[in-house]
């Protein structure tokens, strides 16, 4: 059984609005879990390494990620 606890984290109003999406909120919760997981020497590096490994396992390539980032950046400029 997967147990979770609710916490409050101060964020900007725009971030709070974005987190009203249940999928996004769940994803952020997983990131927070990974970031503060006990035992990691540097939780941020450990998180990035695990995220990269999961992306590779899911079939994402570096080129695909770069394309997505470029599209995101292009959207923000308009």
PDB file of N, CA and C in Angstrom:
ATOM      1  N   UNK A   1       0.835  -1.175   0.000  1.00  0.00           N
ATOM      2  CA  UNK A   1       0.000   0.000   0.000  1.00  0.00           C
ATOM      3  C   UNK A   1       0.878   1.236   0.000  1.00  0.00           C
ATOM      4  N   UNK A   2       0.572   2.167  -0.899  1.00  0.00           N
ATOM      5  CA  UNK A   2       1.356   3.381  -1.024  1.00  0.00           C
ATOM      6  C   UNK A   2       0.746   4.469  -0.162  1.00  0.00           C
ATOM      7  N   UNK A   3       1.463   4.879   0.864  1.00  0.00           N
ATOM      8  CA  UNK A   3       0.955   5.913   1.754  1.00  0.00           C
ATOM      9  C   UNK A   3       1.538   7.254   1.357  1.00  0.00           C
ATOM     10  N   UNK A   4       0.733   8.286   1.410  1.00  0.00           N
ATOM     11  CA  UNK A   4       1.206   9.633   1.125  1.00  0.00           C
ATOM     12  C   UNK A   4       0.752  10.562   2.236  1.00  0.00           C
ATOM     13  N   UNK A   5       1.442  11.683   2.347  1.00  0.00           N
ATOM     14  CA  UNK A   5       1.093  12.729   3.298  1.00  0.00           C
ATOM     15  C   UNK A   5       1.006  14.038   2.535  1.00  0.00           C
ATOM     16  N   UNK A   6       0.098  14.883   2.945  1.00  0.00           N
ATOM     17  CA  UNK A   6      -0.030  16.198   2.324  1.00  0.00           C
ATOM     18  C   UNK A   6       0.790  17.197   3.120  1.00  0.00           C
ATOM     19  N   UNK A   7       1.484  18.083   2.373  1.00  0.00           N
ATOM     20  CA  UNK A   7       2.253  19.157   2.988  1.00  0.00           C
ATOM     21  C   UNK A   7       1.926  20.456   2.257  1.00  0.00           C
ATOM     22  N   UNK A   8       2.271  21.572   2.862  1.00  0.00           N
ATOM     23  CA  UNK A   8       2.112  22.862   2.211  1.00  0.00           C
ATOM     24  C   UNK A   8       3.480  23.403   1.858  1.00  0.00           C
ATOM     25  N   UNK A   9       3.612  23.869   0.613  1.00  0.00           N
ATOM     26  CA  UNK A   9       4.845  24.489   0.159  1.00  0.00           C
ATOM     27  C   UNK A   9       4.453  25.818  -0.473  1.00  0.00           C
ATOM     28  N   UNK A  10       5.025  26.929  -0.008  1.00  0.00           N
ATOM     29  CA  UNK A  10       4.686  28.216  -0.597  1.00  0.00           C
ATOM     30  C   UNK A  10       5.175  28.298  -2.047  1.00  0.00           C
ATOM     31  N   UNK A  11       4.284  28.685  -2.948  1.00  0.00           N
ATOM     32  CA  UNK A  11       4.608  28.865  -4.365  1.00  0.00           C
ATOM     33  C   UNK A  11       3.891  30.108  -4.872  1.00  0.00           C
ATOM     34  N   UNK A  12       4.269  30.539  -6.055  1.00  0.00           N
ATOM     35  CA  UNK A  12       3.602  31.694  -6.658  1.00  0.00           C
ATOM     36  C   UNK A  12       2.178  31.316  -7.051  1.00  0.00           C
ATOM     37  N   UNK A  13       1.303  32.280  -7.206  1.00  0.00           N
ATOM     38  CA  UNK A  13      -0.062  31.980  -7.639  1.00  0.00           C
ATOM     39  C   UNK A  13      -0.118  31.233  -8.974  1.00  0.00           C
ATOM     40  N   UNK A  14       0.771  31.563  -9.903  1.00  0.00           N
ATOM     41  CA  UNK A  14       0.783  30.872 -11.198  1.00  0.00           C
ATOM     42  C   UNK A  14       1.140  29.402 -11.027  1.00  0.00           C
ATOM     43  N   UNK A  15       2.094  29.129 -10.152  1.00  0.00           N
ATOM     44  CA  UNK A  15       2.471  27.743  -9.893  1.00  0.00           C
ATOM     45  C   UNK A  15       1.327  26.998  -9.227  1.00  0.00           C
ATOM     46  N   UNK A  16       0.680  27.638  -8.278  1.00  0.00           N
ATOM     47  CA  UNK A  16      -0.461  27.008  -7.604  1.00  0.00           C
ATOM     48  C   UNK A  16      -1.552  26.669  -8.611  1.00  0.00           C
ATOM     49  N   UNK A  17      -1.803  27.571  -9.548  1.00  0.00           N
ATOM     50  CA  UNK A  17      -2.818  27.306 -10.576  1.00  0.00           C
ATOM     51  C   UNK A  17      -2.410  26.121 -11.434  1.00  0.00           C
ATOM     52  N   UNK A  18      -1.133  26.045 -11.799  1.00  0.00           N
ATOM     53  CA  UNK A  18      -0.646  24.931 -12.620  1.00  0.00           C
ATOM     54  C   UNK A  18      -0.771  23.610 -11.880  1.00  0.00           C
ATOM     55  N   UNK A  19      -0.625  23.659 -10.563  1.00  0.00           N
ATOM     56  CA  UNK A  19      -0.699  22.434  -9.775  1.00  0.00           C
ATOM     57  C   UNK A  19      -2.128  21.991  -9.491  1.00  0.00           C
ATOM     58  N   UNK A  20      -3.100  22.715 -10.022  1.00  0.00           N
ATOM     59  CA  UNK A  20      -4.485  22.259  -9.878  1.00  0.00           C
ATOM     60  C   UNK A  20      -4.749  21.056 -10.784  1.00  0.00           C
ATOM     61  N   UNK A  21      -3.864  20.826 -11.742  1.00  0.00           N
ATOM     62  CA  UNK A  21      -3.927  19.644 -12.606  1.00  0.00           C
ATOM     63  C   UNK A  21      -3.426  18.443 -11.802  1.00  0.00           C
ATOM     64  N   UNK A  22      -4.262  17.444 -11.615  1.00  0.00           N
ATOM     65  CA  UNK A  22      -3.923  16.292 -10.763  1.00  0.00           C
ATOM     66  C   UNK A  22      -2.681  15.550 -11.244  1.00  0.00           C
ATOM     67  N   UNK A  23      -2.537  15.385 -12.562  1.00  0.00           N
ATOM     68  CA  UNK A  23      -1.349  14.669 -13.072  1.00  0.00           C
ATOM     69  C   UNK A  23      -0.079  15.437 -12.771  1.00  0.00           C
ATOM     70  N   UNK A  24      -0.135  16.744 -12.969  1.00  0.00           N
ATOM     71  CA  UNK A  24       1.049  17.569 -12.703  1.00  0.00           C
ATOM     72  C   UNK A  24       1.378  17.549 -11.214  1.00  0.00           C
ATOM     73  N   UNK A  25       0.355  17.651 -10.364  1.00  0.00           N
ATOM     74  CA  UNK A  25       0.577  17.627  -8.919  1.00  0.00           C
ATOM     75  C   UNK A  25       1.216  16.307  -8.494  1.00  0.00           C
ATOM     76  N   UNK A  26       0.741  15.207  -9.050  1.00  0.00           N
ATOM     77  CA  UNK A  26       1.323  13.902  -8.733  1.00  0.00           C
ATOM     78  C   UNK A  26       2.779  13.830  -9.167  1.00  0.00           C
ATOM     79  N   UNK A  27       3.074  14.354 -10.343  1.00  0.00           N
ATOM     80  CA  UNK A  27       4.455  14.352 -10.844  1.00  0.00           C
ATOM     81  C   UNK A  27       5.361  15.189  -9.948  1.00  0.00           C
ATOM     82  N   UNK A  28       4.880  16.339  -9.515  1.00  0.00           N
ATOM     83  CA  UNK A  28       5.667  17.185  -8.615  1.00  0.00           C
ATOM     84  C   UNK A  28       5.896  16.467  -7.287  1.00  0.00           C
ATOM     85  N   UNK A  29       4.889  15.764  -6.804  1.00  0.00           N
ATOM     86  CA  UNK A  29       5.055  14.995  -5.575  1.00  0.00           C
ATOM     87  C   UNK A  29       6.155  13.951  -5.701  1.00  0.00           C
ATOM     88  N   UNK A  30       6.198  13.275  -6.868  1.00  0.00           N
ATOM     89  CA  UNK A  30       7.265  12.286  -7.089  1.00  0.00           C
ATOM     90  C   UNK A  30       8.628  12.962  -7.106  1.00  0.00           C
ATOM     91  N   UNK A  31       8.707  14.140  -7.713  1.00  0.00           N
ATOM     92  CA  UNK A  31       9.983  14.870  -7.742  1.00  0.00           C
ATOM     93  C   UNK A  31      10.427  15.256  -6.337  1.00  0.00           C
ATOM     94  N   UNK A  32       9.491  15.733  -5.531  1.00  0.00           N
ATOM     95  CA  UNK A  32       9.828  16.108  -4.156  1.00  0.00           C
ATOM     96  C   UNK A  32      10.288  14.874  -3.383  1.00  0.00           C
ATOM     97  N   UNK A  33       9.584  13.748  -3.557  1.00  0.00           N
ATOM     98  CA  UNK A  33      10.000  12.512  -2.885  1.00  0.00           C
ATOM     99  C   UNK A  33      11.438  12.159  -3.244  1.00  0.00           C
ATOM    100  N   UNK A  34      11.745  12.249  -4.522  1.00  0.00           N
ATOM    101  CA  UNK A  34      13.095  11.898  -4.975  1.00  0.00           C
ATOM    102  C   UNK A  34      14.123  12.899  -4.489  1.00  0.00           C
ATOM    103  N   UNK A  35      13.753  14.161  -4.461  1.00  0.00           N
ATOM    104  CA  UNK A  35      14.683  15.209  -4.074  1.00  0.00           C
ATOM    105  C   UNK A  35      15.105  15.088  -2.622  1.00  0.00           C
ATOM    106  N   UNK A  36      14.182  14.709  -1.759  1.00  0.00           N
ATOM    107  CA  UNK A  36      14.501  14.670  -0.325  1.00  0.00           C
ATOM    108  C   UNK A  36      14.697  13.263   0.208  1.00  0.00           C
ATOM    109  N   UNK A  37      14.738  12.272  -0.683  1.00  0.00           N
ATOM    110  CA  UNK A  37      14.921  10.887  -0.244  1.00  0.00           C
ATOM    111  C   UNK A  37      16.171  10.779   0.623  1.00  0.00           C
ATOM    112  N   UNK A  38      16.027  10.233   1.814  1.00  0.00           N
ATOM    113  CA  UNK A  38      17.191  10.088   2.704  1.00  0.00           C
ATOM    114  C   UNK A  38      18.256   9.190   2.085  1.00  0.00           C
ATOM    115  N   UNK A  39      19.506   9.536   2.361  1.00  0.00           N
ATOM    116  CA  UNK A  39      20.606   8.687   1.943  1.00  0.00           C
ATOM    117  C   UNK A  39      21.305   9.142   0.676  1.00  0.00           C
ATOM    118  N   UNK A  40      20.711  10.020  -0.079  1.00  0.00           N
ATOM    119  CA  UNK A  40      21.366  10.497  -1.292  1.00  0.00           C
ATOM    120  C   UNK A  40      22.404  11.543  -0.902  1.00  0.00           C
ATOM    121  N   UNK A  41      23.609  11.413  -1.461  1.00  0.00           N
ATOM    122  CA  UNK A  41      24.664  12.375  -1.150  1.00  0.00           C
ATOM    123  C   UNK A  41      24.258  13.778  -1.599  1.00  0.00           C
ATOM    124  N   UNK A  42      23.809  13.891  -2.820  1.00  0.00           N
ATOM    125  CA  UNK A  42      23.307  15.159  -3.345  1.00  0.00           C
ATOM    126  C   UNK A  42      21.959  14.865  -3.965  1.00  0.00           C
ATOM    127  N   UNK A  43      20.891  15.189  -3.272  1.00  0.00           N
ATOM    128  CA  UNK A  43      19.567  14.785  -3.742  1.00  0.00           C
ATOM    129  C   UNK A  43      19.223  15.316  -5.130  1.00  0.00           C
ATOM    130  N   UNK A  44      19.674  16.514  -5.478  1.00  0.00           N
ATOM    131  CA  UNK A  44      19.346  17.053  -6.793  1.00  0.00           C
ATOM    132  C   UNK A  44      20.038  16.255  -7.891  1.00  0.00           C
ATOM    133  N   UNK A  45      21.304  15.940  -7.711  1.00  0.00           N
ATOM    134  CA  UNK A  45      22.027  15.143  -8.710  1.00  0.00           C
ATOM    135  C   UNK A  45      21.418  13.754  -8.814  1.00  0.00           C
ATOM    136  N   UNK A  46      21.101  13.159  -7.671  1.00  0.00           N
ATOM    137  CA  UNK A  46      20.484  11.830  -7.680  1.00  0.00           C
ATOM    138  C   UNK A  46      19.150  11.872  -8.432  1.00  0.00           C
ATOM    139  N   UNK A  47      18.370  12.929  -8.210  1.00  0.00           N
ATOM    140  CA  UNK A  47      17.093  13.080  -8.902  1.00  0.00           C
ATOM    141  C   UNK A  47      17.302  13.183 -10.405  1.00  0.00           C
ATOM    142  N   UNK A  48      18.231  13.998 -10.817  1.00  0.00           N
ATOM    143  CA  UNK A  48      18.490  14.166 -12.250  1.00  0.00           C
ATOM    144  C   UNK A  48      18.970  12.860 -12.881  1.00  0.00           C
ATOM    145  N   UNK A  49      19.811  12.132 -12.175  1.00  0.00           N
ATOM    146  CA  UNK A  49      20.295  10.854 -12.703  1.00  0.00           C
ATOM    147  C   UNK A  49      19.152   9.849 -12.848  1.00  0.00           C
ATOM    148  N   UNK A  50      18.289   9.764 -11.845  1.00  0.00           N
ATOM    149  CA  UNK A  50      17.147   8.840 -11.935  1.00  0.00           C
ATOM    150  C   UNK A  50      16.176   9.258 -13.031  1.00  0.00           C
ATOM    151  N   UNK A  51      15.950  10.552 -13.153  1.00  0.00           N
ATOM    152  CA  UNK A  51      15.051  11.046 -14.188  1.00  0.00           C
ATOM    153  C   UNK A  51      15.611  10.723 -15.567  1.00  0.00           C
ATOM    154  N   UNK A  52      16.909  10.907 -15.751  1.00  0.00           N
ATOM    155  CA  UNK A  52      17.535  10.587 -17.030  1.00  0.00           C
ATOM    156  C   UNK A  52      17.431   9.097 -17.333  1.00  0.00           C
ATOM    157  N   UNK A  53      17.650   8.267 -16.323  1.00  0.00           N
ATOM    158  CA  UNK A  53      17.550   6.819 -16.516  1.00  0.00           C
ATOM    159  C   UNK A  53      16.130   6.415 -16.892  1.00  0.00           C
ATOM    160  N   UNK A  54      15.142   7.008 -16.230  1.00  0.00           N
ATOM    161  CA  UNK A  54      13.746   6.697 -16.542  1.00  0.00           C
ATOM    162  C   UNK A  54      13.386   7.159 -17.955  1.00  0.00           C
ATOM    163  N   UNK A  55      13.908   8.306 -18.356  1.00  0.00           N
ATOM    164  CA  UNK A  55      13.639   8.802 -19.712  1.00  0.00           C
ATOM    165  C   UNK A  55      14.229   7.851 -20.746  1.00  0.00           C
ATOM    166  N   UNK A  56      15.440   7.371 -20.507  1.00  0.00           N
ATOM    167  CA  UNK A  56      16.058   6.416 -21.430  1.00  0.00           C
ATOM    168  C   UNK A  56      15.259   5.121 -21.490  1.00  0.00           C
ATOM    169  N   UNK A  57      14.831   4.642 -20.331  1.00  0.00           N
ATOM    170  CA  UNK A  57      14.031   3.414 -20.284  1.00  0.00           C
ATOM    171  C   UNK A  57      12.726   3.573 -21.053  1.00  0.00           C
ATOM    172  N   UNK A  58      12.184   4.794 -21.049  1.00  0.00           N
ATOM    173  CA  UNK A  58      10.926   5.063 -21.741  1.00  0.00           C
ATOM    174  C   UNK A  58      11.139   5.274 -23.237  1.00  0.00           C
ATOM    175  N   UNK A  59      12.404   5.261 -23.676  1.00  0.00           N
ATOM    176  CA  UNK A  59      12.692   5.393 -25.094  1.00  0.00           C
ATOM    177  C   UNK A  59      12.966   6.810 -25.562  1.00  0.00           C
ATOM    178  N   UNK A  60      13.071   7.757 -24.636  1.00  0.00           N
ATOM    179  CA  UNK A  60      13.369   9.131 -25.034  1.00  0.00           C
ATOM    180  C   UNK A  60      14.841   9.258 -25.374  1.00  0.00           C
ATOM    181  N   UNK A  61      15.113   9.991 -26.434  1.00  0.00           N
ATOM    182  CA  UNK A  61      16.500  10.249 -26.816  1.00  0.00           C
ATOM    183  C   UNK A  61      16.843  11.691 -26.484  1.00  0.00           C
ATOM    184  N   UNK A  62      18.120  11.984 -26.471  1.00  0.00           N
ATOM    185  CA  UNK A  62      18.556  13.354 -26.204  1.00  0.00           C
ATOM    186  C   UNK A  62      18.014  14.301 -27.272  1.00  0.00           C
ATOM    187  N   UNK A  63      17.985  13.830 -28.527  1.00  0.00           N
ATOM    188  CA  UNK A  63      17.440  14.658 -29.607  1.00  0.00           C
ATOM    189  C   UNK A  63      15.963  14.972 -29.370  1.00  0.00           C
ATOM    190  N   UNK A  64      15.194  14.001 -28.922  1.00  0.00           N
ATOM    191  CA  UNK A  64      13.775  14.220 -28.652  1.00  0.00           C
ATOM    192  C   UNK A  64      13.589  15.256 -27.543  1.00  0.00           C
ATOM    193  N   UNK A  65      14.400  15.156 -26.526  1.00  0.00           N
ATOM    194  CA  UNK A  65      14.312  16.103 -25.412  1.00  0.00           C
ATOM    195  C   UNK A  65      14.685  17.504 -25.881  1.00  0.00           C
ATOM    196  N   UNK A  66      15.754  17.615 -26.683  1.00  0.00           N
ATOM    197  CA  UNK A  66      16.168  18.918 -27.194  1.00  0.00           C
ATOM    198  C   UNK A  66      15.096  19.531 -28.085  1.00  0.00           C
ATOM    199  N   UNK A  67      14.436  18.712 -28.894  1.00  0.00           N
ATOM    200  CA  UNK A  67      13.347  19.206 -29.731  1.00  0.00           C
ATOM    201  C   UNK A  67      12.202  19.739 -28.877  1.00  0.00           C
ATOM    202  N   UNK A  68      11.869  19.017 -27.837  1.00  0.00           N
ATOM    203  CA  UNK A  68      10.789  19.447 -26.946  1.00  0.00           C
ATOM    204  C   UNK A  68      11.154  20.753 -26.240  1.00  0.00           C
ATOM    205  N   UNK A  69      12.396  20.859 -25.784  1.00  0.00           N
ATOM    206  CA  UNK A  69      12.834  22.093 -25.140  1.00  0.00           C
ATOM    207  C   UNK A  69      12.803  23.269 -26.112  1.00  0.00           C
ATOM    208  N   UNK A  70      13.221  23.044 -27.341  1.00  0.00           N
ATOM    209  CA  UNK A  70      13.190  24.104 -28.348  1.00  0.00           C
ATOM    210  C   UNK A  70      11.758  24.557 -28.612  1.00  0.00           C
ATOM    211  N   UNK A  71      10.828  23.605 -28.703  1.00  0.00           N
ATOM    212  CA  UNK A  71       9.419  23.947 -28.922  1.00  0.00           C
ATOM    213  C   UNK A  71       8.882  24.736 -27.722  1.00  0.00           C
ATOM    214  N   UNK A  72       9.230  24.318 -26.530  1.00  0.00           N
ATOM    215  CA  UNK A  72       8.786  25.023 -25.317  1.00  0.00           C
ATOM    216  C   UNK A  72       9.315  26.449 -25.308  1.00  0.00           C
ATOM    217  N   UNK A  73      10.612  26.602 -25.594  1.00  0.00           N
ATOM    218  CA  UNK A  73      11.216  27.930 -25.597  1.00  0.00           C
ATOM    219  C   UNK A  73      10.597  28.810 -26.680  1.00  0.00           C
ATOM    220  N   UNK A  74      10.281  28.239 -27.836  1.00  0.00           N
ATOM    221  CA  UNK A  74       9.649  29.002 -28.914  1.00  0.00           C
ATOM    222  C   UNK A  74       8.269  29.489 -28.480  1.00  0.00           C
ATOM    223  N   UNK A  75       7.528  28.661 -27.769  1.00  0.00           N
ATOM    224  CA  UNK A  75       6.193  29.052 -27.287  1.00  0.00           C
ATOM    225  C   UNK A  75       6.276  30.205 -26.307  1.00  0.00           C
ATOM    226  N   UNK A  76       7.279  30.186 -25.465  1.00  0.00           N
ATOM    227  CA  UNK A  76       7.425  31.240 -24.448  1.00  0.00           C
ATOM    228  C   UNK A  76       7.793  32.567 -25.063  1.00  0.00           C
ATOM    229  N   UNK A  77       8.399  32.560 -26.249  1.00  0.00           N
ATOM    230  CA  UNK A  77       8.810  33.802 -26.891  1.00  0.00           C
ATOM    231  C   UNK A  77       7.665  34.495 -27.616  1.00  0.00           C
ATOM    232  N   UNK A  78       6.570  33.784 -27.848  1.00  0.00           N
ATOM    233  CA  UNK A  78       5.457  34.398 -28.595  1.00  0.00           C
ATOM    234  C   UNK A  78       4.498  35.117 -27.711  1.00  0.00           C
TER     235      UNK A  78
END
